[in-house]
């Protein structure tokens, strides 16, 4: 099981320049989905496979993302927390 606290650190370091990663606020890049919406738009657990394979999107500004298994678990835990879709919501 991942740590939402460690996931928060990761997304603030690696994702916040484009995505809104907190419970409120706009994404710095308008086309970047806020993290709080990802758990509503997609089953967060389904994103685990995408993270493991390396995120590659059709969006030209999105860099390729490669994560270690522990980082994936931490980001999943954070996404569940920030979107309110995780266990104990």
C-alpha atoms as a PDB file:
ATOM      1  CA  UNK A   1       0.000   0.000   0.000  1.00  0.00           C
ATOM      2  CA  UNK A   2       1.298   3.422  -0.934  1.00  0.00           C
ATOM      3  CA  UNK A   3       1.702   6.551   1.119  1.00  0.00           C
ATOM      4  CA  UNK A   4      -0.435   9.539   0.150  1.00  0.00           C
ATOM      5  CA  UNK A   5       2.081  11.786   1.933  1.00  0.00           C
ATOM      6  CA  UNK A   6       4.955  10.535  -0.220  1.00  0.00           C
ATOM      7  CA  UNK A   7       2.697  10.730  -3.283  1.00  0.00           C
ATOM      8  CA  UNK A   8       1.929  14.368  -2.495  1.00  0.00           C
ATOM      9  CA  UNK A   9       5.637  15.162  -2.449  1.00  0.00           C
ATOM     10  CA  UNK A  10       6.165  13.376  -5.774  1.00  0.00           C
ATOM     11  CA  UNK A  11       3.323  15.110  -7.599  1.00  0.00           C
ATOM     12  CA  UNK A  12       4.303  18.506  -6.212  1.00  0.00           C
ATOM     13  CA  UNK A  13       7.847  17.970  -7.499  1.00  0.00           C
ATOM     14  CA  UNK A  14       7.076  16.327 -10.836  1.00  0.00           C
ATOM     15  CA  UNK A  15       3.571  17.318 -11.893  1.00  0.00           C
ATOM     16  CA  UNK A  16       2.578  20.656 -10.352  1.00  0.00           C
ATOM     17  CA  UNK A  17       4.202  22.782 -13.050  1.00  0.00           C
ATOM     18  CA  UNK A  18       1.330  21.724 -15.350  1.00  0.00           C
ATOM     19  CA  UNK A  19      -1.387  20.076 -13.193  1.00  0.00           C
ATOM     20  CA  UNK A  20      -3.332  21.374 -10.221  1.00  0.00           C
ATOM     21  CA  UNK A  21      -2.330  18.791  -7.609  1.00  0.00           C
ATOM     22  CA  UNK A  22      -4.269  20.116  -4.611  1.00  0.00           C
ATOM     23  CA  UNK A  23      -7.978  19.966  -3.708  1.00  0.00           C
ATOM     24  CA  UNK A  24      -8.548  23.408  -5.256  1.00  0.00           C
ATOM     25  CA  UNK A  25      -6.993  25.733  -7.785  1.00  0.00           C
ATOM     26  CA  UNK A  26      -6.517  25.786 -11.523  1.00  0.00           C
ATOM     27  CA  UNK A  27      -3.897  23.834 -13.422  1.00  0.00           C
ATOM     28  CA  UNK A  28      -1.023  26.077 -14.553  1.00  0.00           C
ATOM     29  CA  UNK A  29      -1.482  24.517 -18.015  1.00  0.00           C
ATOM     30  CA  UNK A  30      -5.141  24.854 -18.908  1.00  0.00           C
ATOM     31  CA  UNK A  31      -5.284  21.527 -20.788  1.00  0.00           C
ATOM     32  CA  UNK A  32      -3.782  19.574 -17.854  1.00  0.00           C
ATOM     33  CA  UNK A  33      -6.433  17.732 -15.839  1.00  0.00           C
ATOM     34  CA  UNK A  34      -6.434  18.655 -12.137  1.00  0.00           C
ATOM     35  CA  UNK A  35      -5.405  15.655 -10.046  1.00  0.00           C
ATOM     36  CA  UNK A  36      -8.563  15.980  -7.920  1.00  0.00           C
ATOM     37  CA  UNK A  37     -10.616  15.269 -11.067  1.00  0.00           C
ATOM     38  CA  UNK A  38      -8.621  12.229 -12.189  1.00  0.00           C
ATOM     39  CA  UNK A  39     -10.219   9.923  -9.625  1.00  0.00           C
ATOM     40  CA  UNK A  40     -13.639  11.027 -10.805  1.00  0.00           C
ATOM     41  CA  UNK A  41     -12.864  10.766 -14.524  1.00  0.00           C
ATOM     42  CA  UNK A  42     -10.917   7.487 -14.344  1.00  0.00           C
ATOM     43  CA  UNK A  43     -10.878   4.612 -11.877  1.00  0.00           C
ATOM     44  CA  UNK A  44      -7.625   5.516 -10.095  1.00  0.00           C
ATOM     45  CA  UNK A  45      -6.572   1.881  -9.706  1.00  0.00           C
ATOM     46  CA  UNK A  46      -6.768   1.536 -13.504  1.00  0.00           C
ATOM     47  CA  UNK A  47      -4.101   4.235 -13.794  1.00  0.00           C
ATOM     48  CA  UNK A  48      -1.646   1.945 -12.015  1.00  0.00           C
ATOM     49  CA  UNK A  49      -1.001  -0.030 -15.216  1.00  0.00           C
ATOM     50  CA  UNK A  50      -0.533   3.150 -17.250  1.00  0.00           C
ATOM     51  CA  UNK A  51       1.973   4.452 -14.702  1.00  0.00           C
ATOM     52  CA  UNK A  52       3.826   1.130 -14.726  1.00  0.00           C
ATOM     53  CA  UNK A  53       4.088   1.090 -18.514  1.00  0.00           C
ATOM     54  CA  UNK A  54       5.221   4.717 -18.614  1.00  0.00           C
ATOM     55  CA  UNK A  55       2.794   7.492 -19.293  1.00  0.00           C
ATOM     56  CA  UNK A  56       2.864   8.628 -22.868  1.00  0.00           C
ATOM     57  CA  UNK A  57       0.086  10.888 -24.063  1.00  0.00           C
ATOM     58  CA  UNK A  58      -0.921  12.482 -27.323  1.00  0.00           C
ATOM     59  CA  UNK A  59      -0.434  15.857 -25.662  1.00  0.00           C
ATOM     60  CA  UNK A  60       2.891  17.183 -26.978  1.00  0.00           C
ATOM     61  CA  UNK A  61       3.736  19.100 -23.799  1.00  0.00           C
ATOM     62  CA  UNK A  62       3.387  16.023 -21.562  1.00  0.00           C
ATOM     63  CA  UNK A  63       6.819  14.519 -21.029  1.00  0.00           C
ATOM     64  CA  UNK A  64       7.206  10.738 -20.844  1.00  0.00           C
ATOM     65  CA  UNK A  65       6.823   9.617 -17.238  1.00  0.00           C
ATOM     66  CA  UNK A  66       8.604   6.597 -15.805  1.00  0.00           C
ATOM     67  CA  UNK A  67       7.956   5.607 -12.201  1.00  0.00           C
ATOM     68  CA  UNK A  68       9.187   2.957  -9.800  1.00  0.00           C
ATOM     69  CA  UNK A  69       6.582   0.582  -8.289  1.00  0.00           C
ATOM     70  CA  UNK A  70       6.733   2.309  -4.882  1.00  0.00           C
ATOM     71  CA  UNK A  71       6.275   5.715  -6.533  1.00  0.00           C
ATOM     72  CA  UNK A  72       3.248   4.401  -8.425  1.00  0.00           C
ATOM     73  CA  UNK A  73       1.656   3.119  -5.215  1.00  0.00           C
ATOM     74  CA  UNK A  74       2.324   6.460  -3.519  1.00  0.00           C
ATOM     75  CA  UNK A  75       0.836   8.484  -6.386  1.00  0.00           C
ATOM     76  CA  UNK A  76      -2.226   6.211  -6.539  1.00  0.00           C
ATOM     77  CA  UNK A  77      -2.731   6.704  -2.780  1.00  0.00           C
ATOM     78  CA  UNK A  78      -2.433  10.468  -3.239  1.00  0.00           C
ATOM     79  CA  UNK A  79      -4.854  10.525  -6.200  1.00  0.00           C
ATOM     80  CA  UNK A  80      -7.413   8.594  -4.139  1.00  0.00           C
ATOM     81  CA  UNK A  81      -6.988  11.079  -1.300  1.00  0.00           C
ATOM     82  CA  UNK A  82      -7.109  14.290  -3.333  1.00  0.00           C
ATOM     83  CA  UNK A  83     -10.052  13.104  -5.447  1.00  0.00           C
ATOM     84  CA  UNK A  84     -11.977  11.692  -2.482  1.00  0.00           C
ATOM     85  CA  UNK A  85     -12.327   8.314  -4.196  1.00  0.00           C
ATOM     86  CA  UNK A  86     -10.105   6.180  -1.980  1.00  0.00           C
ATOM     87  CA  UNK A  87     -10.931   3.836   0.869  1.00  0.00           C
ATOM     88  CA  UNK A  88     -12.665   5.526   3.775  1.00  0.00           C
ATOM     89  CA  UNK A  89     -13.888   8.431   1.688  1.00  0.00           C
END
